[in-house]
Amino acid sequence: QGVFDFYEIIENKLVLYFNEFAKNAIKTIKLDLKSEIQGKFLAPANCSYLYYNDEFKDWKKGEKIIIR
């Protein structure tokens, strides 16, 4: 659908790549996921940055999820 340009799965992380990203742009990415176990989980913090400028990272706290 052209939402992102490339992706990688590294260990348990999904890495998305964008060739261009306008300042203050918001991207909505819908994932169709399947749970395998029940429980309460807290995702690790996540960040975004320009590929060759990782000293300028924008961090967000991890989200909580409950799987029943």
PDB file of N, CA and C in Angstrom:
ATOM      1  N   GLN A   1       0.811  -1.209   0.000  1.00  0.00           N
ATOM      2  CA  GLN A   1       0.000   0.000   0.000  1.00  0.00           C
ATOM      3  C   GLN A   1       0.846   1.261   0.000  1.00  0.00           C
ATOM      4  N   GLY A   2       2.158   1.122   0.073  1.00  0.00           N
ATOM      5  CA  GLY A   2       3.034   2.283  -0.004  1.00  0.00           C
ATOM      6  C   GLY A   2       3.137   3.100   1.270  1.00  0.00           C
ATOM      7  N   VAL A   3       2.752   2.526   2.404  1.00  0.00           N
ATOM      8  CA  VAL A   3       2.818   3.272   3.670  1.00  0.00           C
ATOM      9  C   VAL A   3       4.270   3.458   4.102  1.00  0.00           C
ATOM     10  N   PHE A   4       5.127   2.461   3.842  1.00  0.00           N
ATOM     11  CA  PHE A   4       6.555   2.561   4.128  1.00  0.00           C
ATOM     12  C   PHE A   4       7.311   1.998   2.943  1.00  0.00           C
ATOM     13  N   ASP A   5       8.619   2.255   2.890  1.00  0.00           N
ATOM     14  CA  ASP A   5       9.412   1.873   1.728  1.00  0.00           C
ATOM     15  C   ASP A   5      10.124   0.531   1.870  1.00  0.00           C
ATOM     16  N   PHE A   6      10.441   0.155   3.094  1.00  0.00           N
ATOM     17  CA  PHE A   6      11.147  -1.103   3.322  1.00  0.00           C
ATOM     18  C   PHE A   6      10.955  -1.489   4.781  1.00  0.00           C
ATOM     19  N   TYR A   7      11.044  -2.778   5.086  1.00  0.00           N
ATOM     20  CA  TYR A   7      10.971  -3.203   6.482  1.00  0.00           C
ATOM     21  C   TYR A   7      11.949  -4.339   6.740  1.00  0.00           C
ATOM     22  N   GLU A   8      12.298  -4.499   8.018  1.00  0.00           N
ATOM     23  CA  GLU A   8      13.118  -5.611   8.480  1.00  0.00           C
ATOM     24  C   GLU A   8      12.540  -6.098   9.793  1.00  0.00           C
ATOM     25  N   ILE A   9      12.683  -7.373  10.062  1.00  0.00           N
ATOM     26  CA  ILE A   9      12.383  -7.919  11.378  1.00  0.00           C
ATOM     27  C   ILE A   9      13.708  -8.370  11.955  1.00  0.00           C
ATOM     28  N   ILE A  10      14.114  -7.711  13.048  1.00  0.00           N
ATOM     29  CA  ILE A  10      15.388  -7.982  13.693  1.00  0.00           C
ATOM     30  C   ILE A  10      15.082  -8.474  15.099  1.00  0.00           C
ATOM     31  N   GLU A  11      15.358  -9.754  15.352  1.00  0.00           N
ATOM     32  CA  GLU A  11      14.990 -10.413  16.604  1.00  0.00           C
ATOM     33  C   GLU A  11      13.487 -10.248  16.818  1.00  0.00           C
ATOM     34  N   ASN A  12      13.070  -9.513  17.832  1.00  0.00           N
ATOM     35  CA  ASN A  12      11.629  -9.327  18.059  1.00  0.00           C
ATOM     36  C   ASN A  12      11.182  -7.907  17.734  1.00  0.00           C
ATOM     37  N   LYS A  13      11.910  -7.228  16.855  1.00  0.00           N
ATOM     38  CA  LYS A  13      11.606  -5.836  16.524  1.00  0.00           C
ATOM     39  C   LYS A  13      11.242  -5.685  15.054  1.00  0.00           C
ATOM     40  N   LEU A  14      10.252  -4.847  14.789  1.00  0.00           N
ATOM     41  CA  LEU A  14       9.880  -4.481  13.436  1.00  0.00           C
ATOM     42  C   LEU A  14      10.491  -3.118  13.145  1.00  0.00           C
ATOM     43  N   VAL A  15      11.323  -3.030  12.103  1.00  0.00           N
ATOM     44  CA  VAL A  15      11.978  -1.788  11.720  1.00  0.00           C
ATOM     45  C   VAL A  15      11.396  -1.342  10.390  1.00  0.00           C
ATOM     46  N   LEU A  16      10.847  -0.132  10.349  1.00  0.00           N
ATOM     47  CA  LEU A  16      10.261   0.423   9.127  1.00  0.00           C
ATOM     48  C   LEU A  16      11.154   1.527   8.591  1.00  0.00           C
ATOM     49  N   TYR A  17      11.317   1.561   7.273  1.00  0.00           N
ATOM     50  CA  TYR A  17      12.139   2.569   6.615  1.00  0.00           C
ATOM     51  C   TYR A  17      11.265   3.415   5.696  1.00  0.00           C
ATOM     52  N   PHE A  18      11.533   4.708   5.694  1.00  0.00           N
ATOM     53  CA  PHE A  18      10.831   5.665   4.832  1.00  0.00           C
ATOM     54  C   PHE A  18      11.875   6.448   4.048  1.00  0.00           C
ATOM     55  N   ASN A  19      11.719   6.540   2.731  1.00  0.00           N
ATOM     56  CA  ASN A  19      12.641   7.339   1.937  1.00  0.00           C
ATOM     57  C   ASN A  19      12.478   8.829   2.209  1.00  0.00           C
ATOM     58  N   GLU A  20      11.264   9.255   2.477  1.00  0.00           N
ATOM     59  CA  GLU A  20      10.982  10.653   2.789  1.00  0.00           C
ATOM     60  C   GLU A  20       9.989  10.713   3.937  1.00  0.00           C
ATOM     61  N   PHE A  21      10.124  11.753   4.749  1.00  0.00           N
ATOM     62  CA  PHE A  21       9.203  11.946   5.860  1.00  0.00           C
ATOM     63  C   PHE A  21       9.167  13.440   6.140  1.00  0.00           C
ATOM     64  N   ALA A  22       8.061  14.078   5.802  1.00  0.00           N
ATOM     65  CA  ALA A  22       7.936  15.524   5.979  1.00  0.00           C
ATOM     66  C   ALA A  22       7.927  15.891   7.455  1.00  0.00           C
ATOM     67  N   LYS A  23       8.408  17.074   7.770  1.00  0.00           N
ATOM     68  CA  LYS A  23       8.416  17.558   9.146  1.00  0.00           C
ATOM     69  C   LYS A  23       6.992  17.568   9.689  1.00  0.00           C
ATOM     70  N   ASN A  24       6.805  17.036  10.907  1.00  0.00           N
ATOM     71  CA  ASN A  24       5.508  16.944  11.586  1.00  0.00           C
ATOM     72  C   ASN A  24       4.514  16.010  10.888  1.00  0.00           C
ATOM     73  N   ALA A  25       4.976  15.190   9.957  1.00  0.00           N
ATOM     74  CA  ALA A  25       4.087  14.245   9.279  1.00  0.00           C
ATOM     75  C   ALA A  25       3.682  13.132  10.244  1.00  0.00           C
ATOM     76  N   ILE A  26       2.503  12.609  10.051  1.00  0.00           N
ATOM     77  CA  ILE A  26       1.998  11.492  10.849  1.00  0.00           C
ATOM     78  C   ILE A  26       1.683  10.346   9.898  1.00  0.00           C
ATOM     79  N   LYS A  27       2.221   9.176  10.201  1.00  0.00           N
ATOM     80  CA  LYS A  27       1.952   7.980   9.405  1.00  0.00           C
ATOM     81  C   LYS A  27       1.112   7.020  10.240  1.00  0.00           C
ATOM     82  N   THR A  28       0.070   6.461   9.661  1.00  0.00           N
ATOM     83  CA  THR A  28      -0.757   5.455  10.325  1.00  0.00           C
ATOM     84  C   THR A  28      -0.487   4.120   9.655  1.00  0.00           C
ATOM     85  N   ILE A  29      -0.055   3.164  10.457  1.00  0.00           N
ATOM     86  CA  ILE A  29       0.294   1.845   9.932  1.00  0.00           C
ATOM     87  C   ILE A  29      -0.580   0.815  10.630  1.00  0.00           C
ATOM     88  N   LYS A  30      -1.369   0.096   9.864  1.00  0.00           N
ATOM     89  CA  LYS A  30      -2.252  -0.929  10.421  1.00  0.00           C
ATOM     90  C   LYS A  30      -1.585  -2.287  10.263  1.00  0.00           C
ATOM     91  N   LEU A  31      -1.489  -3.008  11.379  1.00  0.00           N
ATOM     92  CA  LEU A  31      -0.876  -4.332  11.377  1.00  0.00           C
ATOM     93  C   LEU A  31      -1.926  -5.370  11.730  1.00  0.00           C
ATOM     94  N   ASP A  32      -1.927  -6.476  11.024  1.00  0.00           N
ATOM     95  CA  ASP A  32      -2.809  -7.597  11.312  1.00  0.00           C
ATOM     96  C   ASP A  32      -1.979  -8.621  12.083  1.00  0.00           C
ATOM     97  N   LEU A  33      -2.177  -8.663  13.403  1.00  0.00           N
ATOM     98  CA  LEU A  33      -1.339  -9.495  14.260  1.00  0.00           C
ATOM     99  C   LEU A  33      -2.131 -10.640  14.878  1.00  0.00           C
ATOM    100  N   LYS A  34      -1.436 -11.700  15.223  1.00  0.00           N
ATOM    101  CA  LYS A  34      -2.040 -12.864  15.863  1.00  0.00           C
ATOM    102  C   LYS A  34      -1.353 -13.086  17.207  1.00  0.00           C
ATOM    103  N   SER A  35      -2.144 -13.198  18.271  1.00  0.00           N
ATOM    104  CA  SER A  35      -1.563 -13.463  19.586  1.00  0.00           C
ATOM    105  C   SER A  35      -1.401 -14.963  19.789  1.00  0.00           C
ATOM    106  N   GLU A  36      -0.386 -15.332  20.534  1.00  0.00           N
ATOM    107  CA  GLU A  36      -0.134 -16.743  20.819  1.00  0.00           C
ATOM    108  C   GLU A  36      -0.282 -17.064  22.293  1.00  0.00           C
ATOM    109  N   ILE A  37      -0.171 -16.065  23.168  1.00  0.00           N
ATOM    110  CA  ILE A  37      -0.314 -16.294  24.602  1.00  0.00           C
ATOM    111  C   ILE A  37      -1.114 -15.164  25.234  1.00  0.00           C
ATOM    112  N   GLN A  38      -1.776 -15.469  26.345  1.00  0.00           N
ATOM    113  CA  GLN A  38      -2.537 -14.462  27.077  1.00  0.00           C
ATOM    114  C   GLN A  38      -1.633 -13.766  28.081  1.00  0.00           C
ATOM    115  N   GLY A  39      -2.046 -12.560  28.480  1.00  0.00           N
ATOM    116  CA  GLY A  39      -1.306 -11.869  29.525  1.00  0.00           C
ATOM    117  C   GLY A  39      -1.342 -10.371  29.370  1.00  0.00           C
ATOM    118  N   LYS A  40      -0.655  -9.701  30.289  1.00  0.00           N
ATOM    119  CA  LYS A  40      -0.488  -8.247  30.253  1.00  0.00           C
ATOM    120  C   LYS A  40       0.949  -7.966  29.853  1.00  0.00           C
ATOM    121  N   PHE A  41       1.140  -7.072  28.906  1.00  0.00           N
ATOM    122  CA  PHE A  41       2.464  -6.809  28.360  1.00  0.00           C
ATOM    123  C   PHE A  41       2.718  -5.313  28.245  1.00  0.00           C
ATOM    124  N   LEU A  42       3.982  -4.935  28.325  1.00  0.00           N
ATOM    125  CA  LEU A  42       4.408  -3.562  28.105  1.00  0.00           C
ATOM    126  C   LEU A  42       5.496  -3.600  27.047  1.00  0.00           C
ATOM    127  N   ALA A  43       5.222  -2.964  25.930  1.00  0.00           N
ATOM    128  CA  ALA A  43       6.203  -2.926  24.843  1.00  0.00           C
ATOM    129  C   ALA A  43       7.389  -2.055  25.252  1.00  0.00           C
ATOM    130  N   PRO A  44       8.564  -2.339  24.741  1.00  0.00           N
ATOM    131  CA  PRO A  44       9.707  -1.475  25.041  1.00  0.00           C
ATOM    132  C   PRO A  44       9.516  -0.108  24.394  1.00  0.00           C
ATOM    133  N   ALA A  45      10.265   0.860  24.871  1.00  0.00           N
ATOM    134  CA  ALA A  45      10.223   2.195  24.274  1.00  0.00           C
ATOM    135  C   ALA A  45      10.611   2.089  22.797  1.00  0.00           C
ATOM    136  N   ASN A  46      10.102   3.007  21.983  1.00  0.00           N
ATOM    137  CA  ASN A  46      10.433   2.997  20.563  1.00  0.00           C
ATOM    138  C   ASN A  46      10.928   4.369  20.154  1.00  0.00           C
ATOM    139  N   CYS A  47      11.596   4.426  19.024  1.00  0.00           N
ATOM    140  CA  CYS A  47      12.152   5.708  18.585  1.00  0.00           C
ATOM    141  C   CYS A  47      12.136   5.805  17.068  1.00  0.00           C
ATOM    142  N   SER A  48      12.284   7.025  16.607  1.00  0.00           N
ATOM    143  CA  SER A  48      12.428   7.280  15.175  1.00  0.00           C
ATOM    144  C   SER A  48      13.576   8.264  14.982  1.00  0.00           C
ATOM    145  N   TYR A  49      14.248   8.129  13.836  1.00  0.00           N
ATOM    146  CA  TYR A  49      15.366   9.024  13.535  1.00  0.00           C
ATOM    147  C   TYR A  49      15.724   8.891  12.061  1.00  0.00           C
ATOM    148  N   LEU A  50      16.405   9.909  11.549  1.00  0.00           N
ATOM    149  CA  LEU A  50      16.910   9.836  10.191  1.00  0.00           C
ATOM    150  C   LEU A  50      18.033   8.807  10.160  1.00  0.00           C
ATOM    151  N   TYR A  51      18.110   8.034   9.113  1.00  0.00           N
ATOM    152  CA  TYR A  51      18.995   6.868   9.040  1.00  0.00           C
ATOM    153  C   TYR A  51      20.444   7.188   9.407  1.00  0.00           C
ATOM    154  N   TYR A  52      20.982   8.275   8.902  1.00  0.00           N
ATOM    155  CA  TYR A  52      22.383   8.596   9.170  1.00  0.00           C
ATOM    156  C   TYR A  52      22.553   9.646  10.268  1.00  0.00           C
ATOM    157  N   ASN A  53      21.482   9.959  11.002  1.00  0.00           N
ATOM    158  CA  ASN A  53      21.551  10.949  12.077  1.00  0.00           C
ATOM    159  C   ASN A  53      20.923  10.388  13.341  1.00  0.00           C
ATOM    160  N   ASP A  54      21.389   9.228  13.789  1.00  0.00           N
ATOM    161  CA  ASP A  54      20.751   8.598  14.937  1.00  0.00           C
ATOM    162  C   ASP A  54      21.021   9.307  16.260  1.00  0.00           C
ATOM    163  N   GLU A  55      21.831  10.364  16.255  1.00  0.00           N
ATOM    164  CA  GLU A  55      22.007  11.133  17.486  1.00  0.00           C
ATOM    165  C   GLU A  55      20.799  12.030  17.771  1.00  0.00           C
ATOM    166  N   PHE A  56      19.895  12.172  16.802  1.00  0.00           N
ATOM    167  CA  PHE A  56      18.688  12.994  16.953  1.00  0.00           C
ATOM    168  C   PHE A  56      17.454  12.092  17.002  1.00  0.00           C
ATOM    169  N   LYS A  57      17.385  11.218  17.996  1.00  0.00           N
ATOM    170  CA  LYS A  57      16.270  10.278  18.109  1.00  0.00           C
ATOM    171  C   LYS A  57      15.085  10.911  18.827  1.00  0.00           C
ATOM    172  N   ASP A  58      13.881  10.526  18.399  1.00  0.00           N
ATOM    173  CA  ASP A  58      12.643  10.928  19.056  1.00  0.00           C
ATOM    174  C   ASP A  58      12.064   9.687  19.721  1.00  0.00           C
ATOM    175  N   TRP A  59      12.076   9.646  21.065  1.00  0.00           N
ATOM    176  CA  TRP A  59      11.657   8.473  21.824  1.00  0.00           C
ATOM    177  C   TRP A  59      10.217   8.593  22.280  1.00  0.00           C
ATOM    178  N   LYS A  60       9.505   7.474  22.298  1.00  0.00           N
ATOM    179  CA  LYS A  60       8.146   7.358  22.845  1.00  0.00           C
ATOM    180  C   LYS A  60       8.117   6.155  23.777  1.00  0.00           C
ATOM    181  N   LYS A  61       7.329   6.265  24.851  1.00  0.00           N
ATOM    182  CA  LYS A  61       7.244   5.148  25.795  1.00  0.00           C
ATOM    183  C   LYS A  61       6.484   3.987  25.176  1.00  0.00           C
ATOM    184  N   GLY A  62       6.732   2.797  25.695  1.00  0.00           N
ATOM    185  CA  GLY A  62       6.070   1.597  25.200  1.00  0.00           C
ATOM    186  C   GLY A  62       4.594   1.570  25.570  1.00  0.00           C
ATOM    187  N   GLU A  63       3.810   0.928  24.748  1.00  0.00           N
ATOM    188  CA  GLU A  63       2.363   0.810  24.972  1.00  0.00           C
ATOM    189  C   GLU A  63       2.039  -0.433  25.802  1.00  0.00           C
ATOM    190  N   LYS A  64       0.971  -0.362  26.574  1.00  0.00           N
ATOM    191  CA  LYS A  64       0.484  -1.509  27.350  1.00  0.00           C
ATOM    192  C   LYS A  64      -0.565  -2.240  26.527  1.00  0.00           C
ATOM    193  N   ILE A  65      -0.594  -3.559  26.657  1.00  0.00           N
ATOM    194  CA  ILE A  65      -1.595  -4.359  25.966  1.00  0.00           C
ATOM    195  C   ILE A  65      -2.008  -5.532  26.852  1.00  0.00           C
ATOM    196  N   ILE A  66      -3.294  -5.860  26.806  1.00  0.00           N
ATOM    197  CA  ILE A  66      -3.817  -7.016  27.529  1.00  0.00           C
ATOM    198  C   ILE A  66      -4.421  -7.970  26.508  1.00  0.00           C
ATOM    199  N   ILE A  67      -3.947  -9.217  26.513  1.00  0.00           N
ATOM    200  CA  ILE A  67      -4.450 -10.241  25.601  1.00  0.00           C
ATOM    201  C   ILE A  67      -5.231 -11.251  26.432  1.00  0.00           C
ATOM    202  N   ARG A  68      -6.487 -11.434  26.082  1.00  0.00           N
ATOM    203  CA  ARG A  68      -7.372 -12.355  26.838  1.00  0.00           C
ATOM    204  C   ARG A  68      -7.652 -13.614  26.071  1.00  0.00           C
TER     205      ARG A  68
END
